[in-house]
Each structure stands twice: as structure tokens, then as C-alpha cells.
Protein backbone atom coordinates (compact mmCIF):
# COMPACT_ATOMS: atom_id res chain seq x y z
CA MET A 1 0.00 0.00 0.00
CA LYS A 2 2.79 2.41 0.79
CA SER A 3 4.65 1.68 -2.41
CA PHE A 4 1.46 2.19 -4.42
CA LEU A 5 0.98 5.62 -2.89
CA ILE A 6 4.55 6.56 -3.70
CA PHE A 7 4.02 5.45 -7.29
CA ARG A 8 0.87 7.59 -7.65
CA ARG A 9 2.63 10.65 -6.23
CA TRP A 10 5.45 10.26 -8.70
CA LYS A 11 3.03 9.79 -11.61
CA SER A 12 1.00 12.90 -10.80
CA GLN A 13 3.96 15.33 -10.91
CA PRO A 14 3.98 17.27 -14.26
CA THR A 15 7.09 17.36 -16.38
CA SER A 16 8.04 20.81 -17.79
CA ASN A 17 11.12 22.57 -19.18
CA PRO A 18 12.54 25.36 -17.09
CA VAL A 19 11.79 28.92 -18.42
CA THR A 20 14.93 30.71 -19.46
CA PRO A 21 14.75 34.41 -18.60
CA LYS A 22 15.43 36.88 -21.49
CA PRO A 23 18.75 38.58 -21.19
CA PRO A 24 18.54 42.25 -20.11
CA TYR A 25 20.21 43.59 -23.29
CA TYR A 26 17.25 42.40 -25.45
CA ASN A 27 14.92 45.04 -24.00
CA ILE A 28 17.62 47.69 -24.29
CA LEU A 29 18.13 46.85 -27.98
CA LEU A 30 14.39 46.87 -28.68
CA TYR A 31 13.81 50.24 -27.03
CA SER A 32 16.82 51.73 -28.86
CA LEU A 33 15.96 50.50 -32.39
CA VAL A 34 12.33 51.66 -32.46
CA PRO A 35 13.14 55.40 -32.03
CA LEU A 36 16.05 55.10 -34.48
CA MET A 37 13.77 53.55 -37.11
CA LEU A 38 11.21 56.32 -36.61
CA ILE A 39 13.89 59.01 -36.98
CA ALA A 40 15.23 57.31 -40.13
CA GLY A 41 11.72 57.23 -41.60
CA ILE A 42 11.22 60.94 -40.92
CA VAL A 43 14.60 61.78 -42.51
CA ILE A 44 13.79 59.70 -45.62
CA CYS A 45 10.38 61.38 -46.00
CA ALA A 46 11.91 64.84 -45.59
CA PHE A 47 14.59 64.06 -48.18
CA TRP A 48 11.97 62.81 -50.63
CA VAL A 49 9.89 65.99 -50.22
CA TYR A 50 13.02 68.14 -50.71
CA ARG A 51 14.04 66.27 -53.87
CA HIS A 52 10.52 66.40 -55.25
CA HIS A 53 10.37 70.17 -54.71
CA LYS A 54 13.86 70.76 -56.12
CA MET A 55 13.25 68.73 -59.27
CA ALA A 56 9.85 70.26 -59.99
CA TYR A 57 11.59 72.57 -62.47
CA PRO A 58 14.72 70.71 -63.58
CA PRO A 59 17.64 72.32 -65.41
CA VAL A 60 17.12 72.93 -69.10
CA LEU A 61 18.66 70.40 -71.43
CA VAL A 62 21.07 70.97 -74.31
CA PRO A 63 19.76 70.02 -77.79
CA THR A 64 20.22 66.34 -78.54
CA GLN A 65 17.80 65.38 -81.28
CA ASP A 66 15.61 66.53 -84.16
CA PRO A 67 12.32 68.18 -83.09
CA GLY A 68 10.32 65.52 -84.94
CA PRO A 69 7.61 65.73 -87.58
CA PRO A 70 5.43 68.85 -87.88
CA PRO A 71 2.05 68.77 -86.15
CA PRO A 72 -1.09 68.25 -88.22
CA SER A 73 -2.68 71.30 -89.80
CA PRO A 74 -5.96 72.55 -88.31
CA LEU A 75 -6.64 74.89 -91.24
CA LEU A 76 -6.93 72.54 -94.21
CA GLY A 77 -10.66 73.21 -94.42
CA LEU A 78 -10.38 77.01 -94.23
CA LYS A 79 -9.65 77.89 -97.85
CA PRO A 80 -8.85 80.10 -99.64
CA LEU A 81 -5.99 81.87 -97.87
CA GLN A 82 -4.61 84.58 -100.13
CA LEU A 83 -1.22 86.22 -99.50
CA LEU A 84 -1.36 89.98 -100.20
CA GLU A 85 1.92 91.70 -99.25
CA VAL A 86 5.08 91.20 -97.20
CA LYS A 87 4.95 93.27 -94.01
CA ALA A 88 8.17 92.22 -92.28
CA ARG A 89 11.20 89.98 -92.56
CA GLY A 90 12.98 88.37 -89.65
CA ARG A 91 15.46 85.76 -88.57
CA PHE A 92 13.17 82.80 -89.24
CA GLY A 93 11.20 83.97 -92.27
CA CYS A 94 8.82 86.67 -93.47
CA VAL A 95 5.40 87.89 -92.35
CA TRP A 96 2.65 88.43 -94.90
CA LYS A 97 -0.62 90.28 -94.72
CA ALA A 98 -3.18 87.80 -96.04
CA GLN A 99 -6.91 87.38 -96.45
CA LEU A 100 -8.66 84.39 -94.91
CA LEU A 101 -12.30 84.29 -95.95
CA ASN A 102 -13.56 87.79 -95.04
CA GLU A 103 -10.83 88.98 -92.68
CA TYR A 104 -7.19 89.99 -92.76
CA VAL A 105 -4.71 87.75 -91.01
CA ALA A 106 -0.93 87.61 -90.63
CA VAL A 107 0.93 84.63 -92.10
CA LYS A 108 4.44 83.96 -90.87
CA ILE A 109 6.22 81.69 -93.35
CA PHE A 110 9.19 79.57 -92.24
CA PRO A 111 11.50 77.64 -94.56
CA ILE A 112 11.71 73.94 -93.76
CA GLN A 113 15.18 74.34 -92.21
CA ASP A 114 13.58 76.46 -89.48
CA LYS A 115 11.07 73.75 -88.61
CA GLN A 116 12.08 73.74 -84.94
CA SER A 117 11.22 77.42 -84.49
CA TRP A 118 7.88 76.98 -86.25
CA GLN A 119 7.00 73.92 -84.21
CA ASN A 120 7.98 75.64 -80.97
CA GLU A 121 5.68 78.58 -81.72
CA TYR A 122 2.87 76.20 -82.61
CA GLU A 123 3.30 74.27 -79.35
CA VAL A 124 3.45 77.41 -77.19
CA TYR A 125 0.35 78.94 -78.81
CA SER A 126 -1.46 75.60 -78.36
CA LEU A 127 -0.86 75.47 -74.59
CA PRO A 128 -3.86 75.87 -72.26
CA GLY A 129 -4.66 79.44 -71.29
CA MET A 130 -2.82 81.15 -74.16
CA LYS A 131 -5.85 83.21 -75.22
CA HIS A 132 -5.17 86.58 -73.63
CA GLU A 133 -5.77 90.19 -74.69
CA ASN A 134 -2.06 90.99 -74.51
CA ILE A 135 -0.76 87.91 -76.33
CA LEU A 136 -1.05 87.75 -80.12
CA GLN A 137 -4.11 85.74 -81.15
CA PHE A 138 -3.22 82.40 -82.74
CA ILE A 139 -5.42 81.07 -85.55
CA GLY A 140 -3.63 77.98 -86.83
CA ALA A 141 -0.61 76.37 -88.49
CA GLU A 142 -0.13 74.65 -91.84
CA LYS A 143 2.42 72.84 -93.94
CA ARG A 144 2.30 74.09 -97.54
CA GLY A 145 3.95 72.76 -100.69
CA THR A 146 5.33 69.45 -101.88
CA SER A 147 7.75 67.14 -100.10
CA VAL A 148 10.60 68.76 -102.05
CA ASP A 149 9.61 72.40 -101.53
CA VAL A 150 7.78 72.79 -98.22
CA ASP A 151 6.97 76.00 -96.36
CA LEU A 152 5.63 76.10 -92.81
CA TRP A 153 2.90 78.63 -92.13
CA LEU A 154 1.79 80.15 -88.84
CA ILE A 155 -1.46 82.15 -89.03
CA THR A 156 -2.27 84.82 -86.42
CA ALA A 157 -4.37 87.95 -86.04
CA PHE A 158 -3.24 90.91 -88.16
CA HIS A 159 -2.62 94.34 -86.63
CA GLU A 160 -2.24 97.21 -89.08
CA LYS A 161 -0.11 99.38 -86.79
CA GLY A 162 2.58 96.70 -86.77
CA SER A 163 5.32 96.44 -84.18
CA LEU A 164 6.08 98.93 -81.42
CA SER A 165 9.45 99.55 -83.05
CA ASP A 166 7.89 100.50 -86.39
CA PHE A 167 5.28 102.66 -84.68
CA LEU A 168 7.86 104.61 -82.65
CA LYS A 169 9.95 105.30 -85.76
CA ALA A 170 7.07 107.27 -87.27
CA ASN A 171 5.21 108.52 -84.20
CA VAL A 172 5.67 110.12 -80.82
CA VAL A 173 3.44 109.19 -77.88
CA SER A 174 1.72 111.23 -75.20
CA TRP A 175 2.04 110.47 -71.51
CA ASN A 176 -1.33 108.66 -71.47
CA GLU A 177 -0.41 106.63 -74.55
CA LEU A 178 2.93 105.71 -72.99
CA CYS A 179 1.19 104.49 -69.84
CA HIS A 180 -1.36 102.46 -71.81
CA ILE A 181 1.24 100.76 -74.01
CA ALA A 182 3.56 100.08 -71.08
CA GLU A 183 0.78 98.71 -68.88
CA THR A 184 -0.66 96.35 -71.50
CA MET A 185 2.81 95.20 -72.53
CA ALA A 186 3.68 94.43 -68.89
CA ARG A 187 0.38 92.60 -68.40
CA GLY A 188 1.15 90.37 -71.37
CA LEU A 189 4.60 89.47 -70.07
CA ALA A 190 3.33 88.95 -66.51
CA TYR A 191 0.63 86.58 -67.78
CA LEU A 192 3.16 84.72 -69.92
CA HIS A 193 5.39 84.21 -66.87
CA GLU A 194 2.54 83.05 -64.63
CA ASP A 195 1.94 79.40 -63.76
CA ILE A 196 -1.86 78.92 -63.71
CA PRO A 197 -3.33 75.55 -62.69
CA GLY A 198 -6.99 74.63 -62.82
CA LEU A 199 -8.03 76.32 -66.07
CA LYS A 200 -10.94 74.82 -68.02
CA ASP A 201 -8.64 73.65 -70.80
CA GLY A 202 -5.81 72.51 -68.51
CA HIS A 203 -2.73 73.81 -66.70
CA LYS A 204 -0.94 76.83 -68.17
CA PRO A 205 2.78 76.59 -67.38
CA ALA A 206 5.12 79.52 -66.82
CA ILE A 207 6.69 80.57 -70.14
CA SER A 208 9.89 82.51 -70.79
CA HIS A 209 9.85 84.44 -74.09
CA ARG A 210 13.66 84.78 -74.47
CA ASP A 211 13.47 87.37 -77.29
CA ILE A 212 11.60 90.35 -75.84
CA LYS A 213 12.20 93.44 -77.99
CA SER A 214 10.13 96.23 -79.53
CA LYS A 215 9.90 94.28 -82.81
CA ASN A 216 8.08 91.49 -80.99
CA VAL A 217 5.49 93.76 -79.37
CA LEU A 218 2.55 94.47 -81.70
CA LEU A 219 0.05 97.32 -81.34
CA LYS A 220 -3.69 97.07 -81.88
CA ASN A 221 -5.66 100.00 -83.28
CA ASN A 222 -6.28 101.38 -79.76
CA LEU A 223 -2.54 101.06 -78.94
CA THR A 224 -3.08 98.02 -76.73
CA ALA A 225 0.11 95.96 -76.83
CA CYS A 226 0.30 92.22 -77.44
CA ILE A 227 3.39 90.02 -77.31
CA ALA A 228 4.31 87.93 -80.35
CA ASP A 229 7.00 85.58 -81.73
CA PHE A 230 7.47 82.52 -79.52
CA GLY A 231 10.05 80.72 -81.65
CA LEU A 232 12.60 80.75 -78.81
CA ALA A 233 10.16 80.48 -75.89
CA LEU A 234 10.54 77.92 -73.11
CA LYS A 235 7.70 76.42 -71.10
CA PHE A 236 8.29 75.25 -67.53
CA GLU A 237 6.11 72.33 -66.48
CA ALA A 238 6.58 70.68 -63.08
CA GLY A 239 8.56 67.47 -63.33
CA LYS A 240 9.45 67.98 -66.99
CA SER A 241 12.42 69.40 -68.83
CA ALA A 242 11.84 72.90 -70.20
CA GLY A 243 13.00 71.62 -73.59
CA ASP A 244 16.00 71.96 -75.83
CA THR A 245 17.73 75.29 -75.52
CA HIS A 246 20.96 77.21 -75.64
CA GLY A 247 21.83 80.00 -73.26
CA GLN A 248 22.95 82.71 -75.72
CA VAL A 249 19.85 83.23 -77.84
CA GLY A 250 17.79 86.28 -78.67
CA THR A 251 18.76 89.70 -79.99
CA ARG A 252 22.19 90.89 -78.84
CA ARG A 253 21.36 94.43 -77.75
CA TYR A 254 18.53 93.13 -75.54
CA MET A 255 20.62 90.40 -73.89
CA ALA A 256 21.10 90.63 -70.15
CA PRO A 257 24.72 90.75 -68.90
CA GLU A 258 24.60 87.15 -67.66
CA VAL A 259 23.50 86.00 -71.13
CA LEU A 260 26.33 87.88 -72.83
CA GLU A 261 28.83 86.36 -70.40
CA GLY A 262 27.42 82.85 -70.79
CA ALA A 263 26.84 82.66 -67.04
CA ILE A 264 23.17 81.67 -66.97
CA ASN A 265 21.63 79.63 -64.19
CA PHE A 266 19.48 77.25 -66.23
CA GLN A 267 16.45 77.48 -63.95
CA ARG A 268 13.03 79.01 -64.48
CA ASP A 269 13.49 82.20 -62.45
CA ALA A 270 16.75 83.04 -64.24
CA PHE A 271 15.02 82.95 -67.64
CA LEU A 272 12.12 85.06 -66.39
CA ARG A 273 14.53 87.72 -65.08
CA ILE A 274 16.23 87.83 -68.50
CA ASP A 275 12.84 88.71 -70.03
CA MET A 276 12.38 91.48 -67.47
CA TYR A 277 15.76 93.01 -68.34
CA ALA A 278 14.80 93.14 -72.02
CA MET A 279 11.40 94.63 -71.16
CA GLY A 280 13.19 97.45 -69.34
CA LEU A 281 15.02 98.34 -72.56
CA VAL A 282 11.74 98.36 -74.49
CA LEU A 283 10.29 100.75 -71.91
CA TRP A 284 13.30 103.02 -72.47
CA GLU A 285 12.53 103.05 -76.22
CA LEU A 286 8.94 103.99 -75.45
CA ALA A 287 9.93 106.76 -73.04
CA SER A 288 12.46 108.18 -75.51
CA ARG A 289 9.59 109.03 -77.90
CA CYS A 290 7.25 110.53 -75.31
CA THR A 291 6.20 114.17 -75.54
CA ALA A 292 6.20 114.43 -71.74
CA ALA A 293 9.95 115.00 -71.91
CA ASP A 294 11.30 118.53 -71.59
CA GLY A 295 12.19 120.00 -74.97
CA PRO A 296 12.00 118.37 -78.41
CA VAL A 297 11.66 114.60 -78.74
CA ASP A 298 14.74 112.89 -80.17
CA GLU A 299 14.66 110.71 -83.25
CA TYR A 300 13.88 107.08 -82.55
CA MET A 301 16.88 104.96 -81.64
CA LEU A 302 17.33 101.41 -80.43
CA PRO A 303 18.84 100.82 -76.97
CA PHE A 304 22.60 101.54 -77.03
CA GLU A 305 22.42 102.50 -80.73
CA GLU A 306 24.09 105.86 -80.14
CA GLU A 307 26.99 104.19 -78.35
CA ILE A 308 27.56 100.95 -80.30
CA GLY A 309 25.65 101.33 -83.57
CA GLN A 310 22.89 99.34 -85.22
CA HIS A 311 24.59 95.96 -85.56
CA PRO A 312 26.71 95.30 -82.45
CA SER A 313 28.65 92.08 -82.03
CA LEU A 314 28.69 90.07 -78.83
CA GLU A 315 32.11 91.55 -78.09
CA ASP A 316 30.74 95.09 -78.53
CA MET A 317 27.90 94.37 -76.15
CA LEU A 318 30.16 92.76 -73.57
CA GLU A 319 32.55 95.70 -73.64
CA TRP A 320 29.71 98.17 -73.25
CA GLN A 321 28.02 96.21 -70.46
CA CYS A 322 31.29 95.83 -68.55
CA SER A 323 31.82 99.59 -68.67
CA VAL A 324 28.64 99.90 -66.54
CA LYS A 325 27.44 102.92 -68.49
CA PRO A 326 23.71 103.61 -68.18
CA LEU A 327 21.38 104.34 -71.07
CA LYS A 328 21.03 107.96 -72.10
CA ASN A 329 18.56 109.83 -69.89
CA VAL A 330 15.60 110.92 -72.00
CA GLY A 331 14.53 113.67 -69.62
CA ILE A 332 11.23 112.40 -68.26
CA THR A 333 10.62 112.94 -64.55
CA THR A 334 6.89 112.59 -63.98
CA GLN A 335 4.59 111.77 -61.11
CA LYS A 336 0.93 111.21 -61.94
CA PRO A 337 -1.85 109.24 -60.23
CA GLY A 338 -0.74 105.62 -60.13
CA TYR A 339 2.55 106.20 -61.98
CA GLN A 340 6.03 107.48 -61.31
CA LEU A 341 8.68 107.62 -64.04
CA ASP A 342 12.23 108.93 -64.00
CA VAL A 343 13.98 108.05 -67.28
């Protein structure tokens, strides 16, 4: 009986493995790694946001390839289009006064070797939000001729008064006319430079003209200015390259010092400031033909024409810019409601 009881007591005892306590450094490691991982995650997120913001407007690329085939023509059904007379000749072709159905239009004709300039204008005019009172109205683009002899046409609104440069050669302006031309010209450039999301037809990117001059500012019959000629323009879309470009483009006498020196920062704001410099020279041309000046109004001259002539080289412009000589004062010191001018 005693042995049986001993046997039962031995049988009833459970068999289990001893629990090994966790070493103390395990908890220390766990509590140390969790904060470190959180900090690393925050740093990675911050770096990603910084890179995303920095690369929203990447540096402009250097030309690497052909611009590709011309876009399709939207005007094939609008015939006849009759060329009447040549109104101007420029670097990329000539501008005709033409008749399209019952209205006059301007037709800018590019030779096929200037396809890139024609295509760039077409693409800029076709961007969302490009219908504006102070930007030349675009009508359409066409490819004319055979495969051997092709011309590229760009059709826009026609303005009889022509460019600001041509107008100032033959006319002086009053103070009120100066203010109206200057204001509408500035509105056009400001709108061009503006990045406008959420339009009905899409997102209008900021655009740099890159060849602002009095020849590229047209005047309507009421002397409202509109900006034209976008063959060298750059559009800045977030996350995309601004396109193929070269730093030293435009008209020499209107080039900013950093352009002449080849020291451009290839970012959006740098290109917009270059436009503003050129606009300042156009305003000087306008002021130089204003009757608000004391005494007789001088003959029309281009910026720096008196000092370096009509056809300056890059070297001439660099030498003049480095001398830090200001433009000739045209004698206007005026304060009127909403305006102050000292030129």
C-alpha cells in the first residue's frame, strides 16, 4: 500500500522545461531601435519631399535630337488663304498680310530648315490658357507645298499698326499713350510668366519668351500691346524638362549681362529675369519718344544705338556692359496718379 501511494505521487507530478529568462540587453536593444527607425523614416520622407520640390523645375537640357515631324494642320478646311503683301522679314522667315475668308490675317512663313522654331511657336500657342488680350491671337498652323519644296505657315491675327518699333519710328506718344502701351505690354509678359493651374482647358505653365524686344510687341488700333513671336520660348512644367535650348539666344542688344557672359543659371526664375531686363530696354525706347519729356523729342533709336551702332557684335555688347554705363537719360521725370517715371 505504501509503495502504491509513492508510485501515484510520482506519476502525478507534471514534467516541464525550465523557463529561461530573457537577457537584459534584449529590452535595451528593442527600445533603442524603435526610435532610431522612426527618426530614419522621418529623414527619408523629408529628403523625398526636398528632392521632389527641387526637381519640380529641372535644369534645361542641351539640344540632342531633331524636333520631330510637324504637327497636323488645323486649317486645311479654311480655304482660300490669299497672301497679299510682305509686311516684315525676320530671322526665321517673313510675315505676310493675307486674307482668310472675309478677314485679314498675318501669315508667318518659315523655310523647312527652321522647322524647330515653327514647331515651338505652334506648341506654345497651343498650350492651355494662351488666349489673352495681350498675347497675339493664334489662328492655326499649316504645312504648304510638296515634299521637295515645303513652307511652314503660322497664321495669327493681323494688326495694321505693326510692331512697337515701327510705330515709334514714325510717331511720338503722349504720356497717357505711354502708360497704356507700357501697362498692356507688362500685363502680357506677366501673364506669360505666370503658372496657372486649374483652367478649363488645362494647366498653363510659366513661359519665358527669351526674345523680348520692340519688334516682338505688336500694337492694336487702340494702342493696346500684345506680345508675339514665340520661336525661342521655353515652357516650364513641373517634373518635366523645359525643352531643348541654348543659353545665348535672342537679340544681342537686348541680352542681359549674364547671357552675354554665358553665365546663366538654367532654372526658371533666371530665364524670367532675363525677359524682365529686355522689357526694361523696351520701356526706355517707349519713353524716348514721349512728348512728356522737356524740350523736343529725339529721333527714334534702339537701346545703345548711339553708343555701339545698329549691328553690335557680342564683343561690342560685352565691352559696353562691362563699362557699366547707363542708357542715355531721356529727360522724363513725372509723377501722376498711379505712376512714377524717371527716365
